[in-house]
Amino acid sequence: MIVTEIKNADVYFGNGALDEAEQKICGLGGKALVVSGAHAADISGAYRDICILLEKHGIGHARYAQIRENPSVTSCYEGAALGREEDCDFVIAVGGGSAMDAGKAAAFYLTNPEAGKEDIFHITEDMNRPAPLVAVPTTAGTGSEANRYSVLTEDGGLKKHTYKSSLSYPDISAVCPKYTYSLPEQYTLSTALDAFAHSIESYLSPKSTDHSRKLASEAAGLIWNILKREKAPLDIDEAGREDLSKAAMLAGAAIDVTGTGFPHPMGYGLTLGYGVPHGSACAVFEDAYIRYNMITAEGRRLIAGFCGGLEVSPEELGAKLVALSGVRMHISREKAEELISRVENASNFSNSPYILSRGEMLDIYKRQFKN
């Protein structure tokens, strides 16, 4: 079925989504650049199904399978160069959030051969429209299939920067929950935590609308029904996988309206510096996110509404998310200062009722990481 509440992209949802989107996908061009990582697209079966679909319609493809977690600007640039060499005229991104974010960037570079790597972060009116893009997620976390964001790692691997444009949305997204069945437990948990972080951070954002809060609330409820279990929270059946895929998509659409809060930039340091999966890196900061926003009357009101829908107290929710993150480490004050310096100017810090000071950022590190 096509999901009508997601704006700016045609999103098909359900285990027959790729088949439903077939005619539209095959009308996008004559040869596809398939952007993926080295393994997930194959293990999930998604790449096989895409090949069958393209072959059926006589559409060729070239594959760039060099995308890793936290995709670099350079890898997206190189993928697009391959696409131009192979005369590709549209992009299919298949994989987790990294592959979909990379696909958005590759679609830009594909049609802008004169652009430098950094130009993607400074879109101007004279640049060409990105190539048509299809997103086929194999995880249930980032919701990149339903928004315009492409989070890329700058060369050097120490900072992330976001490419976004009114033209960076996927043209078509085929969200097939079956492609998440092969995802290992650790990554299923991390992606669920990422989608939950999107939900609460969008809900509390001053930019929220009634519609985005509705999306965020529905997503949070679907995820919390799985995360709240006392034992084996990820021992889920196909219906549970479908719920997580739907939740990630809805939460992704919610942050398209609002952006995210401070757990995201603070989490980047743990991901880039220590290899902590992105969702877990966000979740370890959610208790602090809740506590600081409870200082304001507006924050208390919004958190009461969010937690009331889940039938959990703010304190219980924060503690559970930190526990599920599994992040246990020591970070020295000196290292915390360095990590904060990399992200403290991010707009995410002003995107909630309470705005942290640098001293409060350090206090969070001291409390959470015993520096």
Protein backbone atom coordinates (compact mmCIF):
# COMPACT_ATOMS: atom_id res chain seq x y z
CA MET A 1 0.00 0.00 0.00
CA ILE A 2 1.12 3.57 -0.57
CA VAL A 3 1.41 5.51 2.67
CA THR A 4 -0.43 8.78 2.25
CA GLU A 5 0.55 10.49 5.53
CA ILE A 6 4.19 10.76 4.43
CA LYS A 7 4.69 13.92 2.36
CA ASN A 8 7.24 14.66 -0.38
CA ALA A 9 7.85 11.04 -1.39
CA ASP A 10 5.83 8.07 -2.62
CA VAL A 11 6.30 5.57 0.23
CA TYR A 12 5.08 2.02 -0.25
CA PHE A 13 4.81 -0.11 2.88
CA GLY A 14 4.46 -3.85 3.46
CA ASN A 15 6.18 -7.00 2.29
CA GLY A 16 4.89 -6.49 -1.24
CA ALA A 17 6.01 -2.86 -1.37
CA LEU A 18 8.75 -3.39 -3.95
CA ASP A 19 6.30 -5.13 -6.30
CA GLU A 20 3.71 -2.38 -5.80
CA ALA A 21 6.28 0.28 -6.66
CA GLU A 22 7.64 -1.68 -9.65
CA GLN A 23 6.10 0.33 -12.45
CA LYS A 24 7.10 3.68 -10.98
CA ILE A 25 10.64 2.51 -10.23
CA CYS A 26 11.12 1.23 -13.76
CA GLY A 27 9.88 4.49 -15.19
CA LEU A 28 12.68 6.49 -13.58
CA GLY A 29 15.40 5.75 -16.11
CA GLY A 30 17.29 3.29 -18.26
CA LYS A 31 20.11 2.25 -15.93
CA ALA A 32 20.35 2.28 -12.14
CA LEU A 33 23.27 2.97 -9.84
CA VAL A 34 22.67 0.66 -6.88
CA VAL A 35 24.28 2.10 -3.74
CA SER A 36 24.75 -0.27 -0.80
CA GLY A 37 27.06 -1.65 1.82
CA ALA A 38 29.00 -4.84 1.31
CA HIS A 39 26.66 -7.28 3.05
CA ALA A 40 23.23 -6.18 4.32
CA ALA A 41 21.62 -5.73 0.91
CA ASP A 42 22.62 -9.27 -0.07
CA ILE A 43 21.88 -11.04 3.23
CA SER A 44 18.44 -9.46 3.46
CA GLY A 45 17.46 -10.55 -0.05
CA ALA A 46 16.75 -6.98 -1.10
CA TYR A 47 19.50 -6.76 -3.71
CA ARG A 48 18.38 -10.03 -5.30
CA ASP A 49 14.81 -8.78 -5.55
CA ILE A 50 15.95 -5.48 -7.06
CA CYS A 51 18.02 -7.31 -9.68
CA ILE A 52 15.02 -9.47 -10.61
CA LEU A 53 12.81 -6.40 -10.92
CA LEU A 54 15.28 -4.49 -13.10
CA GLU A 55 16.05 -7.46 -15.33
CA LYS A 56 12.35 -8.06 -15.87
CA HIS A 57 12.09 -4.61 -17.44
CA GLY A 58 15.37 -4.72 -19.33
CA ILE A 59 16.98 -2.11 -17.09
CA GLY A 60 20.69 -2.47 -16.42
CA HIS A 61 22.53 -1.46 -13.29
CA ALA A 62 25.96 -0.78 -11.86
CA ARG A 63 26.62 -1.40 -8.20
CA TYR A 64 28.67 0.64 -5.75
CA ALA A 65 28.87 -1.50 -2.59
CA GLN A 66 31.50 0.44 -0.65
CA ILE A 67 29.24 2.26 1.80
CA ARG A 68 30.13 1.76 5.45
CA GLU A 69 28.49 2.96 8.64
CA ASN A 70 28.70 6.74 8.96
CA PRO A 71 29.24 7.17 5.20
CA SER A 72 31.99 9.52 4.14
CA VAL A 73 31.57 12.33 1.67
CA THR A 74 34.32 10.75 -0.42
CA SER A 75 32.55 7.39 -0.75
CA CYS A 76 29.38 9.10 -2.02
CA TYR A 77 31.42 11.16 -4.46
CA GLU A 78 33.18 8.04 -5.75
CA GLY A 79 29.91 6.16 -6.08
CA ALA A 80 28.49 8.92 -8.25
CA ALA A 81 31.64 8.90 -10.40
CA LEU A 82 31.08 5.19 -11.06
CA GLY A 83 27.47 5.96 -11.95
CA ARG A 84 28.53 8.52 -14.52
CA GLU A 85 31.11 6.15 -16.02
CA GLU A 86 28.39 3.53 -16.36
CA ASP A 87 25.82 5.98 -17.82
CA CYS A 88 23.41 5.51 -14.91
CA ASP A 89 20.53 7.94 -14.77
CA PHE A 90 18.86 7.06 -11.46
CA VAL A 91 19.88 5.71 -8.07
CA ILE A 92 18.59 2.86 -5.92
CA ALA A 93 19.84 2.99 -2.32
CA VAL A 94 19.44 -0.31 -0.50
CA GLY A 95 20.51 -0.96 3.07
CA GLY A 96 20.39 0.80 6.40
CA GLY A 97 20.42 4.51 7.07
CA SER A 98 24.01 4.81 5.91
CA ALA A 99 23.22 3.41 2.47
CA MET A 100 20.12 5.56 2.08
CA ASP A 101 21.93 8.71 3.18
CA ALA A 102 24.75 7.86 0.77
CA GLY A 103 22.22 7.28 -2.00
CA LYS A 104 20.83 10.79 -1.52
CA ALA A 105 24.32 12.26 -1.78
CA ALA A 106 25.23 10.10 -4.78
CA ALA A 107 22.06 11.25 -6.54
CA PHE A 108 23.25 14.85 -6.12
CA TYR A 109 26.80 14.21 -7.27
CA LEU A 110 25.60 12.11 -10.21
CA THR A 111 23.95 15.11 -11.90
CA ASN A 112 26.46 17.71 -10.70
CA PRO A 113 29.80 16.50 -12.07
CA GLU A 114 31.42 19.90 -11.60
CA ALA A 115 30.55 20.09 -7.91
CA GLY A 116 33.28 19.71 -5.32
CA LYS A 117 32.81 17.31 -2.42
CA GLU A 118 31.87 20.06 0.03
CA ASP A 119 29.45 21.77 -2.35
CA ILE A 120 26.74 19.35 -1.28
CA PHE A 121 26.48 21.25 2.01
CA HIS A 122 25.98 24.57 0.22
CA ILE A 123 23.22 24.04 -2.32
CA THR A 124 22.64 26.92 -4.74
CA GLU A 125 19.95 27.57 -7.34
CA ASP A 126 22.28 26.99 -10.29
CA MET A 127 22.97 23.37 -9.32
CA ASN A 128 21.27 20.57 -11.20
CA ARG A 129 18.37 18.62 -9.78
CA PRO A 130 19.56 15.32 -8.20
CA ALA A 131 18.99 12.11 -10.12
CA PRO A 132 15.78 10.21 -9.28
CA LEU A 133 16.20 8.14 -6.12
CA VAL A 134 14.63 4.94 -4.81
CA ALA A 135 15.16 3.98 -1.14
CA VAL A 136 14.83 0.36 0.01
CA PRO A 137 15.61 0.10 3.73
CA THR A 138 16.92 -3.10 5.33
CA THR A 139 16.83 -1.72 8.89
CA ALA A 140 14.13 -0.04 10.97
CA GLY A 141 15.83 2.99 12.47
CA THR A 142 16.82 6.14 10.66
CA GLY A 143 13.64 6.73 8.68
CA SER A 144 15.81 8.14 5.90
CA GLU A 145 13.29 6.70 3.44
CA ALA A 146 10.78 9.32 4.64
CA ASN A 147 12.83 12.49 4.99
CA ARG A 148 15.32 14.73 3.21
CA TYR A 149 18.31 14.28 5.53
CA SER A 150 21.62 12.75 4.51
CA VAL A 151 24.07 12.66 7.43
CA LEU A 152 27.61 12.36 6.10
CA THR A 153 31.00 12.06 7.77
CA GLU A 154 33.51 14.65 6.67
CA ASP A 155 36.91 13.47 5.49
CA GLY A 156 39.00 12.79 8.58
CA GLY A 157 36.11 10.97 10.25
CA LEU A 158 35.70 13.30 13.24
CA LYS A 159 32.64 15.35 12.30
CA LYS A 160 29.26 14.80 10.70
CA HIS A 161 27.52 17.25 8.42
CA THR A 162 23.99 17.09 7.01
CA TYR A 163 23.02 17.47 3.38
CA LYS A 164 19.39 18.48 3.03
CA SER A 165 17.39 20.08 0.29
CA SER A 166 13.81 20.32 -0.88
CA LEU A 167 15.01 18.00 -3.68
CA SER A 168 16.89 15.43 -1.56
CA TYR A 169 13.87 13.29 -0.68
CA PRO A 170 13.66 9.83 -2.22
CA ASP A 171 11.26 9.87 -5.13
CA ILE A 172 10.06 6.40 -4.20
CA SER A 173 10.57 4.36 -1.03
CA ALA A 174 9.73 0.67 -0.77
CA VAL A 175 9.61 -0.31 2.91
CA CYS A 176 9.50 -4.11 3.12
CA PRO A 177 9.73 -5.34 6.73
CA LYS A 178 10.95 -8.76 5.53
CA TYR A 179 14.29 -7.19 4.64
CA THR A 180 14.88 -6.56 8.37
CA TYR A 181 14.43 -10.20 9.41
CA SER A 182 18.14 -10.98 8.99
CA LEU A 183 19.31 -8.02 11.09
CA PRO A 184 21.34 -9.19 14.13
CA GLU A 185 19.91 -8.53 17.59
CA GLN A 186 22.44 -5.82 18.50
CA TYR A 187 21.61 -3.78 15.41
CA THR A 188 17.89 -4.37 15.70
CA LEU A 189 18.06 -2.88 19.19
CA SER A 190 20.22 0.05 18.14
CA THR A 191 18.00 0.93 15.18
CA ALA A 192 14.89 0.71 17.37
CA LEU A 193 16.53 3.06 19.86
CA ASP A 194 17.38 5.45 17.04
CA ALA A 195 13.78 5.56 15.86
CA PHE A 196 12.59 6.04 19.45
CA ALA A 197 15.06 8.92 19.87
CA HIS A 198 13.59 10.51 16.74
CA SER A 199 10.13 10.17 18.25
CA ILE A 200 10.77 11.84 21.59
CA GLU A 201 13.14 14.49 20.23
CA SER A 202 10.67 15.44 17.51
CA TYR A 203 7.76 15.50 19.96
CA LEU A 204 9.55 17.97 22.25
CA SER A 205 10.79 20.22 19.44
CA PRO A 206 9.44 23.78 19.29
CA LYS A 207 9.07 23.16 15.54
CA SER A 208 6.54 20.35 16.04
CA THR A 209 3.11 20.48 14.49
CA ASP A 210 0.00 18.54 15.45
CA HIS A 211 0.73 16.21 12.54
CA SER A 212 4.38 15.59 13.41
CA ARG A 213 3.47 14.92 17.06
CA LYS A 214 0.85 12.44 15.91
CA LEU A 215 3.50 10.63 13.84
CA ALA A 216 6.00 10.73 16.71
CA SER A 217 3.47 9.41 19.23
CA GLU A 218 2.37 6.53 17.03
CA ALA A 219 5.98 5.58 16.31
CA ALA A 220 6.95 5.72 19.98
CA GLY A 221 4.02 3.50 20.98
CA LEU A 222 4.91 0.82 18.46
CA ILE A 223 8.55 0.76 19.56
CA TRP A 224 7.88 0.98 23.30
CA ASN A 225 5.59 -2.04 23.16
CA ILE A 226 8.71 -4.01 22.21
CA LEU A 227 11.39 -2.22 24.24
CA LYS A 228 9.44 -2.30 27.51
CA ARG A 229 9.47 -6.09 27.76
CA GLU A 230 11.46 -7.33 30.73
CA LYS A 231 12.90 -10.35 28.97
CA ALA A 232 14.26 -10.77 25.44
CA PRO A 233 12.92 -7.41 24.22
CA LEU A 234 13.99 -8.24 20.68
CA ASP A 235 12.55 -11.73 20.47
CA ILE A 236 9.94 -10.47 18.04
CA ASP A 237 7.81 -12.07 15.39
CA GLU A 238 7.04 -10.85 11.89
CA ALA A 239 4.28 -8.58 13.19
CA GLY A 240 6.80 -6.96 15.54
CA ARG A 241 9.23 -6.44 12.67
CA GLU A 242 6.44 -4.78 10.72
CA ASP A 243 5.71 -2.51 13.69
CA LEU A 244 9.36 -1.45 13.93
CA SER A 245 9.57 -0.73 10.20
CA LYS A 246 6.42 1.35 10.32
CA ALA A 247 7.63 3.19 13.42
CA ALA A 248 10.98 4.06 11.87
CA MET A 249 9.21 5.41 8.78
CA LEU A 250 6.77 7.52 10.83
CA ALA A 251 9.50 8.85 13.13
CA GLY A 252 11.63 9.66 10.10
CA ALA A 253 8.78 11.73 8.72
CA ALA A 254 8.37 13.46 12.08
CA ILE A 255 11.99 14.63 12.22
CA ASP A 256 11.67 15.86 8.64
CA VAL A 257 9.43 18.53 10.16
CA THR A 258 11.41 19.19 13.33
CA GLY A 259 14.95 17.86 13.24
CA THR A 260 16.38 16.17 16.34
CA GLY A 261 17.49 17.25 19.82
CA PHE A 262 20.81 17.23 21.63
CA PRO A 263 21.21 13.45 22.13
CA HIS A 264 22.01 13.18 18.41
CA PRO A 265 25.06 15.46 18.20
CA MET A 266 26.29 14.29 21.60
CA GLY A 267 25.96 10.72 20.39
CA TYR A 268 28.08 11.37 17.30
CA GLY A 269 31.23 11.52 19.43
CA LEU A 270 30.58 8.04 20.81
CA THR A 271 29.89 6.68 17.34
CA LEU A 272 32.83 8.24 15.53
CA GLY A 273 35.31 7.99 18.39
CA TYR A 274 34.36 4.72 20.06
CA GLY A 275 32.36 2.73 17.51
CA VAL A 276 29.12 2.81 19.52
CA PRO A 277 26.16 2.11 17.20
CA HIS A 278 24.27 5.30 16.46
CA GLY A 279 20.97 4.41 18.16
CA SER A 280 22.71 3.24 21.32
CA ALA A 281 24.85 6.40 21.32
CA CYS A 282 21.69 8.53 21.25
CA ALA A 283 19.86 6.45 23.86
CA VAL A 284 22.53 6.86 26.52
CA PHE A 285 21.81 10.62 26.51
CA GLU A 286 18.00 10.38 26.55
CA ASP A 287 17.72 10.31 30.36
CA ALA A 288 19.60 13.62 30.51
CA TYR A 289 17.44 14.93 27.67
CA ILE A 290 14.32 14.18 29.69
CA ARG A 291 15.71 15.53 32.98
CA TYR A 292 16.88 18.85 31.58
CA ASN A 293 13.71 19.48 29.60
CA MET A 294 11.68 18.78 32.75
CA ILE A 295 13.18 21.99 34.17
CA THR A 296 10.86 24.07 31.98
CA ALA A 297 7.07 24.20 32.23
CA GLU A 298 6.73 23.52 28.50
CA GLY A 299 9.12 20.59 28.74
CA ARG A 300 7.17 19.10 31.65
CA ARG A 301 3.93 19.48 29.72
CA LEU A 302 5.25 17.80 26.60
CA ILE A 303 7.02 15.01 28.44
CA ALA A 304 3.86 14.33 30.44
CA GLY A 305 1.92 13.97 27.21
CA PHE A 306 4.55 11.78 25.57
CA CYS A 307 5.02 9.49 28.57
CA GLY A 308 1.30 9.40 29.30
CA GLY A 309 0.71 7.84 25.90
CA LEU A 310 3.24 5.14 26.76
CA GLU A 311 1.98 4.65 30.32
CA VAL A 312 5.44 5.10 31.80
CA SER A 313 6.95 7.73 34.08
CA PRO A 314 9.66 10.04 32.73
CA GLU A 315 12.12 8.61 35.25
CA GLU A 316 11.39 5.02 34.27
CA LEU A 317 11.61 5.84 30.58
CA GLY A 318 14.97 7.58 30.88
CA ALA A 319 16.47 4.81 32.98
CA LYS A 320 15.22 2.10 30.62
CA LEU A 321 16.66 3.79 27.53
CA VAL A 322 20.06 4.21 29.15
CA ALA A 323 20.04 0.57 30.26
CA LEU A 324 19.07 -0.62 26.78
CA SER A 325 21.85 1.45 25.22
CA GLY A 326 24.40 -0.90 26.78
CA VAL A 327 26.95 1.94 26.82
CA ARG A 328 29.38 1.47 29.70
CA MET A 329 32.64 3.39 29.50
CA HIS A 330 34.89 5.93 31.15
CA ILE A 331 35.48 9.23 29.38
CA SER A 332 37.95 11.66 30.89
CA ARG A 333 37.07 15.32 31.35
CA GLU A 334 39.69 16.24 28.76
CA LYS A 335 38.18 13.89 26.20
CA ALA A 336 34.67 15.13 27.04
CA GLU A 337 35.84 18.69 26.40
CA GLU A 338 37.15 17.62 22.99
CA LEU A 339 33.96 15.78 22.03
CA ILE A 340 31.79 18.72 23.07
CA SER A 341 33.92 21.18 21.10
CA ARG A 342 33.18 19.25 17.93
CA VAL A 343 29.40 19.52 18.25
CA GLU A 344 28.45 22.35 20.62
CA ASN A 345 27.47 24.68 17.78
CA ALA A 346 25.02 22.19 16.27
CA SER A 347 21.52 23.56 15.85
CA ASN A 348 20.12 20.51 17.65
CA PHE A 349 20.99 22.07 21.03
CA SER A 350 18.40 24.82 20.56
CA ASN A 351 15.75 22.40 19.32
CA SER A 352 14.02 21.62 22.62
CA PRO A 353 12.35 23.58 25.43
CA TYR A 354 15.57 23.65 27.49
CA ILE A 355 18.88 24.75 25.95
CA LEU A 356 22.01 23.30 27.52
CA SER A 357 25.05 25.34 28.48
CA ARG A 358 28.53 23.96 27.86
CA GLY A 359 28.89 23.39 31.58
CA GLU A 360 25.74 21.28 31.58
CA MET A 361 27.08 19.25 28.66
CA LEU A 362 30.16 18.51 30.76
CA ASP A 363 27.95 17.62 33.72
CA ILE A 364 26.15 15.06 31.57
CA TYR A 365 29.47 13.44 30.64
CA LYS A 366 30.57 13.45 34.28
CA ARG A 367 27.33 11.85 35.44
CA GLN A 368 27.09 9.29 32.65
CA PHE A 369 30.74 8.42 32.05
CA LYS A 370 32.31 8.98 35.49
CA ASN A 371 35.06 11.32 34.32
